[in-house]
Amino acid sequence: MIGCAVLSILTTFSIIAVLLDESRRFFQMKDVSLGEFFLTTTWQPLLGAEKHFGIWPLVCGTLLVTAVAAVLALPLGLITAIYLSEYAPRRVRAFLKPILEVLAGVPTVVYGYFALETITPTLQWVHGRIAGASSSLGWLPDGLSAWINKPIDSYNAASAGLAVGIMTLPIVCSLSEDALQAVPRSLREGAYALGGSKFDVSTRIVLPAALSGVVASYILAIARATGETMIVALAAGGLSQLTMDPRDQVQTMTGYMVQIFLGDTASGGVEYYSSYAVAAMLFLMTLGLTLIGNRVLARFREVYQ
């Protein structure tokens, strides 16, 4: 146990040391400054003679994909967990749990191709029907009509986010269900004795009592979605831009790192070292998310005898 803890600490500090050292080399180059990195909004390190290293388009793309994934995975995972814990018969639960575990074991590259070949065409088909229906109304303002009729790119944040959400769904469901199962049976029996229905007991007694475990599953799922690589590299695209429209093509921080290490850029150049600066920024984001999560867990943690 102590050996595992020491190994984890050494590994973490080694990663931090490498990221800081390589990022220092990046910012020491004449083409880059801290002000440009944190205060500008153009990321073009590979095109043209004039390179730009404003990190926010990559951050925006990462957050957009994560937000789409969270909208799908967090509520659906919690609803599924409540059903498995409080409503599902034992045979149904024994059947569904292994299916969720298999879903968690699917390689992420498979999810990436699923997003390209299934999710994106489905979204484009649905969007075409919605755009056609809105055009037939005729009374919509021109600006709103143009926004609705805007096509969905072949590579887009929506399909990548939905695929990431499907990938993180088992994390939310499994951990939340374990937290709900850990709530003492006596709390349920007391609520039933007071006349509570199963829905009331599930949502007003069991769920608040298991809130710390549910929040932990949410944090882990969001952190996993933020650091996902292969799905976004395949389905989100490679265009760095500031946008909040999930129909647009975006580039995430992990997607950019994949692009750099494919071998198209020379080792030791400013583009190469920029990937370490992006990785350090991603590390800081996930670290901040973890610290916030620990504060939330400490605030809502329940201990039962």
C-alpha atoms as a PDB file:
ATOM      1  CA  MET A   1       0.000   0.000   0.000  1.00  0.00           C
ATOM      2  CA  ILE A   2       2.760   2.421   0.965  1.00  0.00           C
ATOM      3  CA  GLY A   3       4.770   1.382  -2.098  1.00  0.00           C
ATOM      4  CA  CYS A   4       1.846   2.187  -4.404  1.00  0.00           C
ATOM      5  CA  ALA A   5       1.420   5.594  -2.767  1.00  0.00           C
ATOM      6  CA  VAL A   6       5.125   6.389  -3.120  1.00  0.00           C
ATOM      7  CA  LEU A   7       5.112   5.251  -6.762  1.00  0.00           C
ATOM      8  CA  SER A   8       2.087   7.427  -7.513  1.00  0.00           C
ATOM      9  CA  ILE A   9       3.692  10.459  -5.894  1.00  0.00           C
ATOM     10  CA  LEU A  10       6.980   9.951  -7.740  1.00  0.00           C
ATOM     11  CA  THR A  11       5.190   9.480 -11.055  1.00  0.00           C
ATOM     12  CA  THR A  12       3.104  12.619 -10.560  1.00  0.00           C
ATOM     13  CA  PHE A  13       6.081  14.777  -9.647  1.00  0.00           C
ATOM     14  CA  SER A  14       8.070  13.369 -12.578  1.00  0.00           C
ATOM     15  CA  ILE A  15       5.303  14.333 -14.972  1.00  0.00           C
ATOM     16  CA  ILE A  16       5.122  17.818 -13.459  1.00  0.00           C
ATOM     17  CA  ALA A  17       8.898  18.242 -13.725  1.00  0.00           C
ATOM     18  CA  VAL A  18       8.950  17.217 -17.389  1.00  0.00           C
ATOM     19  CA  LEU A  19       6.038  19.499 -18.297  1.00  0.00           C
ATOM     20  CA  LEU A  20       7.530  22.491 -16.495  1.00  0.00           C
ATOM     21  CA  ASP A  21      10.983  22.006 -17.997  1.00  0.00           C
ATOM     22  CA  GLU A  22       9.734  21.595 -21.572  1.00  0.00           C
ATOM     23  CA  SER A  23       7.263  24.459 -21.164  1.00  0.00           C
ATOM     24  CA  ARG A  24      10.118  26.675 -19.934  1.00  0.00           C
ATOM     25  CA  ARG A  25      11.986  25.984 -23.176  1.00  0.00           C
ATOM     26  CA  PHE A  26       8.874  26.893 -25.136  1.00  0.00           C
ATOM     27  CA  PHE A  27       8.493  30.278 -23.454  1.00  0.00           C
ATOM     28  CA  GLN A  28      12.206  31.025 -23.801  1.00  0.00           C
ATOM     29  CA  MET A  29      11.918  30.989 -27.586  1.00  0.00           C
ATOM     30  CA  LYS A  30      11.782  34.371 -29.306  1.00  0.00           C
ATOM     31  CA  ASP A  31       8.497  33.599 -31.072  1.00  0.00           C
ATOM     32  CA  VAL A  32       6.503  33.130 -27.849  1.00  0.00           C
ATOM     33  CA  SER A  33       5.584  35.174 -24.788  1.00  0.00           C
ATOM     34  CA  LEU A  34       3.412  34.508 -21.750  1.00  0.00           C
ATOM     35  CA  GLY A  35       1.216  37.435 -22.725  1.00  0.00           C
ATOM     36  CA  GLU A  36       0.496  36.023 -26.157  1.00  0.00           C
ATOM     37  CA  PHE A  37      -0.097  32.537 -24.776  1.00  0.00           C
ATOM     38  CA  PHE A  38      -2.665  33.595 -22.161  1.00  0.00           C
ATOM     39  CA  LEU A  39      -4.109  36.825 -23.559  1.00  0.00           C
ATOM     40  CA  THR A  40      -4.599  36.265 -27.303  1.00  0.00           C
ATOM     41  CA  THR A  41      -7.202  34.177 -29.114  1.00  0.00           C
ATOM     42  CA  THR A  42      -5.433  32.931 -32.233  1.00  0.00           C
ATOM     43  CA  TRP A  43      -3.770  29.521 -32.362  1.00  0.00           C
ATOM     44  CA  GLN A  44      -1.876  29.011 -35.633  1.00  0.00           C
ATOM     45  CA  PRO A  45       1.479  27.348 -34.897  1.00  0.00           C
ATOM     46  CA  LEU A  46       1.782  25.399 -38.135  1.00  0.00           C
ATOM     47  CA  LEU A  47       0.552  27.690 -40.922  1.00  0.00           C
ATOM     48  CA  GLY A  48       2.319  30.630 -42.526  1.00  0.00           C
ATOM     49  CA  ALA A  49       5.484  32.481 -41.686  1.00  0.00           C
ATOM     50  CA  GLU A  50       3.849  34.275 -38.729  1.00  0.00           C
ATOM     51  CA  LYS A  51       2.906  31.869 -35.960  1.00  0.00           C
ATOM     52  CA  HIS A  52       0.361  32.554 -33.220  1.00  0.00           C
ATOM     53  CA  PHE A  53       0.137  30.782 -29.872  1.00  0.00           C
ATOM     54  CA  GLY A  54      -3.011  31.993 -28.120  1.00  0.00           C
ATOM     55  CA  ILE A  55      -4.212  29.002 -26.084  1.00  0.00           C
ATOM     56  CA  TRP A  56      -7.892  29.922 -25.720  1.00  0.00           C
ATOM     57  CA  PRO A  57      -9.217  28.340 -28.959  1.00  0.00           C
ATOM     58  CA  LEU A  58      -7.881  24.983 -27.757  1.00  0.00           C
ATOM     59  CA  VAL A  59      -9.309  25.528 -24.280  1.00  0.00           C
ATOM     60  CA  CYS A  60     -12.657  26.512 -25.798  1.00  0.00           C
ATOM     61  CA  GLY A  61     -12.754  23.400 -27.989  1.00  0.00           C
ATOM     62  CA  THR A  62     -11.895  21.175 -25.027  1.00  0.00           C
ATOM     63  CA  LEU A  63     -14.575  22.720 -22.821  1.00  0.00           C
ATOM     64  CA  LEU A  64     -17.186  22.568 -25.576  1.00  0.00           C
ATOM     65  CA  VAL A  65     -16.668  18.842 -26.157  1.00  0.00           C
ATOM     66  CA  THR A  66     -16.631  18.236 -22.398  1.00  0.00           C
ATOM     67  CA  ALA A  67     -19.865  20.199 -21.950  1.00  0.00           C
ATOM     68  CA  VAL A  68     -21.661  18.154 -24.620  1.00  0.00           C
ATOM     69  CA  ALA A  69     -20.402  14.952 -23.001  1.00  0.00           C
ATOM     70  CA  ALA A  70     -21.516  16.109 -19.555  1.00  0.00           C
ATOM     71  CA  VAL A  71     -25.011  17.022 -20.769  1.00  0.00           C
ATOM     72  CA  LEU A  72     -25.432  13.433 -21.971  1.00  0.00           C
ATOM     73  CA  ALA A  73     -23.526  11.379 -19.399  1.00  0.00           C
ATOM     74  CA  LEU A  74     -24.237  13.070 -16.062  1.00  0.00           C
ATOM     75  CA  PRO A  75     -28.062  13.052 -15.936  1.00  0.00           C
ATOM     76  CA  LEU A  76     -28.472   9.812 -17.888  1.00  0.00           C
ATOM     77  CA  GLY A  77     -25.859   8.043 -15.753  1.00  0.00           C
ATOM     78  CA  LEU A  78     -27.516   9.202 -12.523  1.00  0.00           C
ATOM     79  CA  ILE A  79     -30.992   8.181 -13.703  1.00  0.00           C
ATOM     80  CA  THR A  80     -29.668   4.752 -14.683  1.00  0.00           C
ATOM     81  CA  ALA A  81     -27.909   4.403 -11.322  1.00  0.00           C
ATOM     82  CA  ILE A  82     -31.093   5.243  -9.421  1.00  0.00           C
ATOM     83  CA  TYR A  83     -33.028   2.712 -11.484  1.00  0.00           C
ATOM     84  CA  LEU A  84     -30.474  -0.041 -10.909  1.00  0.00           C
ATOM     85  CA  SER A  85     -30.191   0.687  -7.196  1.00  0.00           C
ATOM     86  CA  GLU A  86     -33.804   1.349  -6.242  1.00  0.00           C
ATOM     87  CA  TYR A  87     -36.131   0.008  -8.928  1.00  0.00           C
ATOM     88  CA  ALA A  88     -34.550  -2.780 -10.977  1.00  0.00           C
ATOM     89  CA  PRO A  89     -35.220  -6.390  -9.988  1.00  0.00           C
ATOM     90  CA  ARG A  90     -32.164  -8.417  -9.048  1.00  0.00           C
ATOM     91  CA  ARG A  91     -32.137 -10.310 -12.366  1.00  0.00           C
ATOM     92  CA  VAL A  92     -32.354  -7.111 -14.415  1.00  0.00           C
ATOM     93  CA  ARG A  93     -29.560  -5.538 -12.378  1.00  0.00           C
ATOM     94  CA  ALA A  94     -27.390  -8.611 -12.814  1.00  0.00           C
ATOM     95  CA  PHE A  95     -27.963  -8.370 -16.575  1.00  0.00           C
ATOM     96  CA  LEU A  96     -27.404  -4.631 -17.021  1.00  0.00           C
ATOM     97  CA  LYS A  97     -24.306  -4.209 -14.857  1.00  0.00           C
ATOM     98  CA  PRO A  98     -22.076  -6.441 -17.051  1.00  0.00           C
ATOM     99  CA  ILE A  99     -23.319  -4.602 -20.152  1.00  0.00           C
ATOM    100  CA  LEU A 100     -22.190  -1.294 -18.657  1.00  0.00           C
ATOM    101  CA  GLU A 101     -18.825  -2.811 -17.784  1.00  0.00           C
ATOM    102  CA  VAL A 102     -18.404  -4.024 -21.372  1.00  0.00           C
ATOM    103  CA  LEU A 103     -19.281  -0.530 -22.606  1.00  0.00           C
ATOM    104  CA  ALA A 104     -16.537   0.877 -20.383  1.00  0.00           C
ATOM    105  CA  GLY A 105     -14.013  -1.505 -21.934  1.00  0.00           C
ATOM    106  CA  VAL A 106     -14.595  -0.504 -25.572  1.00  0.00           C
ATOM    107  CA  PRO A 107     -11.421   1.113 -27.035  1.00  0.00           C
ATOM    108  CA  THR A 108     -11.782   4.845 -27.509  1.00  0.00           C
ATOM    109  CA  VAL A 109     -10.706   4.639 -31.149  1.00  0.00           C
ATOM    110  CA  VAL A 110     -13.848   2.580 -31.756  1.00  0.00           C
ATOM    111  CA  TYR A 111     -15.928   5.372 -30.255  1.00  0.00           C
ATOM    112  CA  GLY A 112     -14.151   7.796 -32.572  1.00  0.00           C
ATOM    113  CA  TYR A 113     -15.106   5.866 -35.688  1.00  0.00           C
ATOM    114  CA  PHE A 114     -18.620   5.396 -34.275  1.00  0.00           C
ATOM    115  CA  ALA A 115     -18.895   9.178 -33.994  1.00  0.00           C
ATOM    116  CA  LEU A 116     -17.737   9.631 -37.587  1.00  0.00           C
ATOM    117  CA  GLU A 117     -19.802   6.891 -39.198  1.00  0.00           C
ATOM    118  CA  THR A 118     -22.984   6.912 -37.088  1.00  0.00           C
ATOM    119  CA  ILE A 119     -23.421   9.922 -34.810  1.00  0.00           C
ATOM    120  CA  THR A 120     -22.448  12.614 -37.333  1.00  0.00           C
ATOM    121  CA  PRO A 121     -24.693  11.316 -40.171  1.00  0.00           C
ATOM    122  CA  THR A 122     -27.554  10.972 -37.687  1.00  0.00           C
ATOM    123  CA  LEU A 123     -27.092  14.528 -36.463  1.00  0.00           C
ATOM    124  CA  GLN A 124     -26.938  15.812 -40.036  1.00  0.00           C
ATOM    125  CA  TRP A 125     -30.133  13.940 -40.923  1.00  0.00           C
ATOM    126  CA  VAL A 126     -31.998  15.288 -37.873  1.00  0.00           C
ATOM    127  CA  HIS A 127     -30.657  18.782 -38.490  1.00  0.00           C
ATOM    128  CA  GLY A 128     -31.808  18.627 -42.116  1.00  0.00           C
ATOM    129  CA  ARG A 129     -35.343  17.762 -41.027  1.00  0.00           C
ATOM    130  CA  ILE A 130     -35.385  20.578 -38.463  1.00  0.00           C
ATOM    131  CA  ALA A 131     -33.997  23.083 -40.970  1.00  0.00           C
ATOM    132  CA  GLY A 132     -36.603  22.016 -43.533  1.00  0.00           C
ATOM    133  CA  ALA A 133     -39.424  22.409 -41.033  1.00  0.00           C
ATOM    134  CA  SER A 134     -38.192  25.861 -39.960  1.00  0.00           C
ATOM    135  CA  SER A 135     -37.943  27.001 -43.586  1.00  0.00           C
ATOM    136  CA  SER A 136     -41.560  26.013 -44.200  1.00  0.00           C
ATOM    137  CA  LEU A 137     -42.720  28.317 -41.381  1.00  0.00           C
ATOM    138  CA  GLY A 138     -41.657  31.423 -43.257  1.00  0.00           C
ATOM    139  CA  TRP A 139     -42.167  33.874 -40.374  1.00  0.00           C
ATOM    140  CA  LEU A 140     -38.853  33.339 -38.582  1.00  0.00           C
ATOM    141  CA  PRO A 141     -36.418  36.295 -38.518  1.00  0.00           C
ATOM    142  CA  ASP A 142     -33.651  36.077 -41.103  1.00  0.00           C
ATOM    143  CA  GLY A 143     -30.896  35.853 -38.478  1.00  0.00           C
ATOM    144  CA  LEU A 144     -32.578  33.016 -36.599  1.00  0.00           C
ATOM    145  CA  SER A 145     -33.426  31.195 -39.807  1.00  0.00           C
ATOM    146  CA  ALA A 146     -29.820  31.456 -41.008  1.00  0.00           C
ATOM    147  CA  TRP A 147     -28.563  30.130 -37.667  1.00  0.00           C
ATOM    148  CA  ILE A 148     -30.945  27.165 -37.758  1.00  0.00           C
ATOM    149  CA  ASN A 149     -30.052  26.359 -41.376  1.00  0.00           C
ATOM    150  CA  LYS A 150     -26.306  26.458 -40.709  1.00  0.00           C
ATOM    151  CA  PRO A 151     -25.008  23.010 -41.741  1.00  0.00           C
ATOM    152  CA  ILE A 152     -23.251  20.593 -39.414  1.00  0.00           C
ATOM    153  CA  ASP A 153     -19.625  19.994 -40.367  1.00  0.00           C
ATOM    154  CA  SER A 154     -18.439  16.472 -41.056  1.00  0.00           C
ATOM    155  CA  TYR A 155     -16.102  17.005 -38.107  1.00  0.00           C
ATOM    156  CA  ASN A 156     -17.878  18.738 -35.233  1.00  0.00           C
ATOM    157  CA  ALA A 157     -17.885  19.115 -31.474  1.00  0.00           C
ATOM    158  CA  ALA A 158     -21.372  17.663 -31.063  1.00  0.00           C
ATOM    159  CA  SER A 159     -20.614  14.193 -32.402  1.00  0.00           C
ATOM    160  CA  ALA A 160     -17.292  14.039 -30.564  1.00  0.00           C
ATOM    161  CA  GLY A 161     -18.958  15.183 -27.335  1.00  0.00           C
ATOM    162  CA  LEU A 162     -21.759  12.637 -27.644  1.00  0.00           C
ATOM    163  CA  ALA A 163     -19.242   9.842 -28.222  1.00  0.00           C
ATOM    164  CA  VAL A 164     -17.236  10.980 -25.198  1.00  0.00           C
ATOM    165  CA  GLY A 165     -20.470  11.096 -23.207  1.00  0.00           C
ATOM    166  CA  ILE A 166     -21.279   7.501 -24.153  1.00  0.00           C
ATOM    167  CA  MET A 167     -17.751   6.518 -23.131  1.00  0.00           C
ATOM    168  CA  THR A 168     -18.030   8.207 -19.708  1.00  0.00           C
ATOM    169  CA  LEU A 169     -21.580   7.041 -19.048  1.00  0.00           C
ATOM    170  CA  PRO A 170     -20.478   3.762 -17.361  1.00  0.00           C
ATOM    171  CA  ILE A 171     -18.209   5.742 -15.004  1.00  0.00           C
ATOM    172  CA  VAL A 172     -21.084   7.892 -13.761  1.00  0.00           C
ATOM    173  CA  CYS A 173     -23.536   5.009 -13.609  1.00  0.00           C
ATOM    174  CA  SER A 174     -21.286   2.486 -11.858  1.00  0.00           C
ATOM    175  CA  LEU A 175     -19.839   4.815  -9.233  1.00  0.00           C
ATOM    176  CA  SER A 176     -23.185   6.495  -8.522  1.00  0.00           C
ATOM    177  CA  GLU A 177     -24.897   3.139  -8.186  1.00  0.00           C
ATOM    178  CA  ASP A 178     -22.249   1.959  -5.717  1.00  0.00           C
ATOM    179  CA  ALA A 179     -22.747   5.160  -3.694  1.00  0.00           C
ATOM    180  CA  LEU A 180     -26.517   4.663  -3.636  1.00  0.00           C
ATOM    181  CA  GLN A 181     -26.130   1.041  -2.591  1.00  0.00           C
ATOM    182  CA  ALA A 182     -23.883   2.131   0.293  1.00  0.00           C
ATOM    183  CA  VAL A 183     -26.683   4.149   1.914  1.00  0.00           C
ATOM    184  CA  PRO A 184     -27.900   2.211   4.983  1.00  0.00           C
ATOM    185  CA  ARG A 185     -31.117   0.286   4.580  1.00  0.00           C
ATOM    186  CA  SER A 186     -32.428   1.798   7.817  1.00  0.00           C
ATOM    187  CA  LEU A 187     -32.780   5.229   6.140  1.00  0.00           C
ATOM    188  CA  ARG A 188     -34.999   3.729   3.475  1.00  0.00           C
ATOM    189  CA  GLU A 189     -37.095   1.801   5.982  1.00  0.00           C
ATOM    190  CA  GLY A 190     -37.579   4.880   8.136  1.00  0.00           C
ATOM    191  CA  ALA A 191     -38.776   6.892   5.129  1.00  0.00           C
ATOM    192  CA  TYR A 192     -41.164   4.128   4.074  1.00  0.00           C
ATOM    193  CA  ALA A 193     -42.512   3.960   7.643  1.00  0.00           C
ATOM    194  CA  LEU A 194     -43.344   7.663   7.442  1.00  0.00           C
ATOM    195  CA  GLY A 195     -45.398   7.050   4.291  1.00  0.00           C
ATOM    196  CA  GLY A 196     -42.889   7.971   1.630  1.00  0.00           C
ATOM    197  CA  SER A 197     -43.255   6.539  -1.880  1.00  0.00           C
ATOM    198  CA  LYS A 198     -40.396   4.811  -3.667  1.00  0.00           C
ATOM    199  CA  PHE A 199     -39.795   7.926  -5.759  1.00  0.00           C
ATOM    200  CA  ASP A 200     -39.745  10.138  -2.659  1.00  0.00           C
ATOM    201  CA  VAL A 201     -37.354   7.805  -0.859  1.00  0.00           C
ATOM    202  CA  SER A 202     -35.058   7.560  -3.893  1.00  0.00           C
ATOM    203  CA  THR A 203     -34.858  11.274  -4.630  1.00  0.00           C
ATOM    204  CA  ARG A 204     -35.248  12.867  -1.185  1.00  0.00           C
ATOM    205  CA  ILE A 205     -33.527  10.366   1.119  1.00  0.00           C
ATOM    206  CA  VAL A 206     -31.162   8.048  -0.748  1.00  0.00           C
ATOM    207  CA  LEU A 207     -29.815  10.503  -3.324  1.00  0.00           C
ATOM    208  CA  PRO A 208     -28.939  13.293  -0.833  1.00  0.00           C
ATOM    209  CA  ALA A 209     -27.316  10.708   1.448  1.00  0.00           C
ATOM    210  CA  ALA A 210     -25.157   9.466  -1.443  1.00  0.00           C
ATOM    211  CA  LEU A 211     -24.433  12.930  -2.821  1.00  0.00           C
ATOM    212  CA  SER A 212     -20.695  12.817  -2.127  1.00  0.00           C
ATOM    213  CA  GLY A 213     -20.309   9.609  -4.134  1.00  0.00           C
ATOM    214  CA  VAL A 214     -22.422  10.990  -6.973  1.00  0.00           C
ATOM    215  CA  VAL A 215     -20.348  14.177  -7.079  1.00  0.00           C
ATOM    216  CA  ALA A 216     -17.177  12.059  -7.115  1.00  0.00           C
ATOM    217  CA  SER A 217     -18.472  10.153 -10.141  1.00  0.00           C
ATOM    218  CA  TYR A 218     -19.285  13.434 -11.876  1.00  0.00           C
ATOM    219  CA  ILE A 219     -15.819  14.833 -11.254  1.00  0.00           C
ATOM    220  CA  LEU A 220     -14.105  11.672 -12.452  1.00  0.00           C
ATOM    221  CA  ALA A 221     -16.252  11.570 -15.592  1.00  0.00           C
ATOM    222  CA  ILE A 222     -15.613  15.238 -16.423  1.00  0.00           C
ATOM    223  CA  ALA A 223     -11.876  14.827 -15.876  1.00  0.00           C
ATOM    224  CA  ARG A 224     -11.918  11.742 -18.102  1.00  0.00           C
ATOM    225  CA  ALA A 225     -13.822  13.625 -20.799  1.00  0.00           C
ATOM    226  CA  THR A 226     -11.433  16.590 -20.608  1.00  0.00           C
ATOM    227  CA  GLY A 227      -8.414  14.387 -21.194  1.00  0.00           C
ATOM    228  CA  GLU A 228      -9.912  12.162 -23.890  1.00  0.00           C
ATOM    229  CA  THR A 229      -7.703  11.935 -26.967  1.00  0.00           C
ATOM    230  CA  MET A 230      -8.618   9.503 -29.727  1.00  0.00           C
ATOM    231  CA  ILE A 231     -12.312  10.354 -30.009  1.00  0.00           C
ATOM    232  CA  VAL A 232     -11.689  14.088 -30.406  1.00  0.00           C
ATOM    233  CA  ALA A 233      -8.690  13.510 -32.665  1.00  0.00           C
ATOM    234  CA  LEU A 234     -10.908  11.540 -35.055  1.00  0.00           C
ATOM    235  CA  ALA A 235     -14.281  13.267 -34.792  1.00  0.00           C
ATOM    236  CA  ALA A 236     -13.858  16.857 -33.563  1.00  0.00           C
ATOM    237  CA  GLY A 237     -11.594  18.086 -36.363  1.00  0.00           C
ATOM    238  CA  GLY A 238      -8.414  20.141 -36.424  1.00  0.00           C
ATOM    239  CA  LEU A 239      -9.575  23.744 -36.815  1.00  0.00           C
ATOM    240  CA  SER A 240      -8.679  25.918 -33.811  1.00  0.00           C
ATOM    241  CA  GLN A 241     -11.378  28.533 -33.379  1.00  0.00           C
ATOM    242  CA  LEU A 242     -13.348  30.266 -30.636  1.00  0.00           C
ATOM    243  CA  THR A 243     -16.897  28.976 -30.933  1.00  0.00           C
ATOM    244  CA  MET A 244     -19.706  27.849 -28.675  1.00  0.00           C
ATOM    245  CA  ASP A 245     -21.673  26.205 -31.490  1.00  0.00           C
ATOM    246  CA  PRO A 246     -21.318  22.400 -31.226  1.00  0.00           C
ATOM    247  CA  ARG A 247     -22.032  22.101 -34.960  1.00  0.00           C
ATOM    248  CA  ASP A 248     -18.644  23.657 -35.729  1.00  0.00           C
ATOM    249  CA  GLN A 249     -15.324  21.947 -36.145  1.00  0.00           C
ATOM    250  CA  VAL A 250     -12.984  22.446 -33.183  1.00  0.00           C
ATOM    251  CA  GLN A 251      -9.571  21.336 -32.023  1.00  0.00           C
ATOM    252  CA  THR A 252      -9.048  20.257 -28.443  1.00  0.00           C
ATOM    253  CA  MET A 253      -5.863  20.384 -26.420  1.00  0.00           C
ATOM    254  CA  THR A 254      -5.338  16.631 -26.648  1.00  0.00           C
ATOM    255  CA  GLY A 255      -6.178  16.680 -30.359  1.00  0.00           C
ATOM    256  CA  TYR A 256      -3.442  19.234 -30.963  1.00  0.00           C
ATOM    257  CA  MET A 257      -0.900  17.121 -29.088  1.00  0.00           C
ATOM    258  CA  VAL A 258      -1.791  14.140 -31.258  1.00  0.00           C
ATOM    259  CA  GLN A 259      -1.294  16.278 -34.359  1.00  0.00           C
ATOM    260  CA  ILE A 260       2.164  17.377 -33.195  1.00  0.00           C
ATOM    261  CA  PHE A 261       3.414  13.900 -32.327  1.00  0.00           C
ATOM    262  CA  LEU A 262       2.273  12.311 -35.575  1.00  0.00           C
ATOM    263  CA  GLY A 263       5.711  13.209 -36.946  1.00  0.00           C
ATOM    264  CA  ASP A 264       4.834  16.101 -39.250  1.00  0.00           C
ATOM    265  CA  THR A 265       6.785  18.640 -37.170  1.00  0.00           C
ATOM    266  CA  ALA A 266      10.482  18.675 -36.402  1.00  0.00           C
ATOM    267  CA  SER A 267      11.595  17.671 -32.935  1.00  0.00           C
ATOM    268  CA  GLY A 268      13.008  20.585 -30.984  1.00  0.00           C
ATOM    269  CA  GLY A 269      11.105  23.328 -32.819  1.00  0.00           C
ATOM    270  CA  VAL A 270       8.698  25.801 -31.330  1.00  0.00           C
ATOM    271  CA  GLU A 271       5.722  23.710 -32.493  1.00  0.00           C
ATOM    272  CA  TYR A 272       7.144  20.653 -30.744  1.00  0.00           C
ATOM    273  CA  TYR A 273       7.631  22.455 -27.433  1.00  0.00           C
ATOM    274  CA  SER A 274       4.233  24.113 -27.705  1.00  0.00           C
ATOM    275  CA  SER A 275       2.630  20.711 -27.132  1.00  0.00           C
ATOM    276  CA  TYR A 276       4.246  20.574 -23.686  1.00  0.00           C
ATOM    277  CA  ALA A 277       2.867  24.016 -22.826  1.00  0.00           C
ATOM    278  CA  VAL A 278      -0.581  22.840 -23.892  1.00  0.00           C
ATOM    279  CA  ALA A 279      -0.149  19.684 -21.812  1.00  0.00           C
ATOM    280  CA  ALA A 280       0.836  21.770 -18.785  1.00  0.00           C
ATOM    281  CA  MET A 281      -2.280  23.900 -19.256  1.00  0.00           C
ATOM    282  CA  LEU A 282      -4.420  20.756 -19.449  1.00  0.00           C
ATOM    283  CA  PHE A 283      -2.758  19.437 -16.300  1.00  0.00           C
ATOM    284  CA  LEU A 284      -3.564  22.665 -14.457  1.00  0.00           C
ATOM    285  CA  MET A 285      -7.190  22.467 -15.584  1.00  0.00           C
ATOM    286  CA  THR A 286      -7.633  18.895 -14.354  1.00  0.00           C
ATOM    287  CA  LEU A 287      -5.762  19.697 -11.142  1.00  0.00           C
ATOM    288  CA  GLY A 288      -8.078  22.629 -10.473  1.00  0.00           C
ATOM    289  CA  LEU A 289     -11.083  20.416 -11.171  1.00  0.00           C
ATOM    290  CA  THR A 290      -9.757  17.812  -8.723  1.00  0.00           C
ATOM    291  CA  LEU A 291      -9.173  20.393  -5.981  1.00  0.00           C
ATOM    292  CA  ILE A 292     -12.660  21.805  -6.411  1.00  0.00           C
ATOM    293  CA  GLY A 293     -14.055  18.293  -6.308  1.00  0.00           C
ATOM    294  CA  ASN A 294     -12.242  17.521  -3.073  1.00  0.00           C
ATOM    295  CA  ARG A 295     -13.724  20.632  -1.463  1.00  0.00           C
ATOM    296  CA  VAL A 296     -17.197  19.615  -2.608  1.00  0.00           C
ATOM    297  CA  LEU A 297     -16.705  16.067  -1.337  1.00  0.00           C
ATOM    298  CA  ALA A 298     -15.536  17.342   2.040  1.00  0.00           C
ATOM    299  CA  ARG A 299     -18.574  19.606   2.219  1.00  0.00           C
ATOM    300  CA  PHE A 300     -21.194  16.949   1.459  1.00  0.00           C
ATOM    301  CA  ARG A 301     -19.525  13.808   2.746  1.00  0.00           C
ATOM    302  CA  GLU A 302     -21.747  11.613   4.930  1.00  0.00           C
ATOM    303  CA  VAL A 303     -20.384   8.961   7.324  1.00  0.00           C
ATOM    304  CA  TYR A 304     -22.638   6.179   8.604  1.00  0.00           C
ATOM    305  CA  GLN A 305     -22.049   3.770  11.447  1.00  0.00           C
END
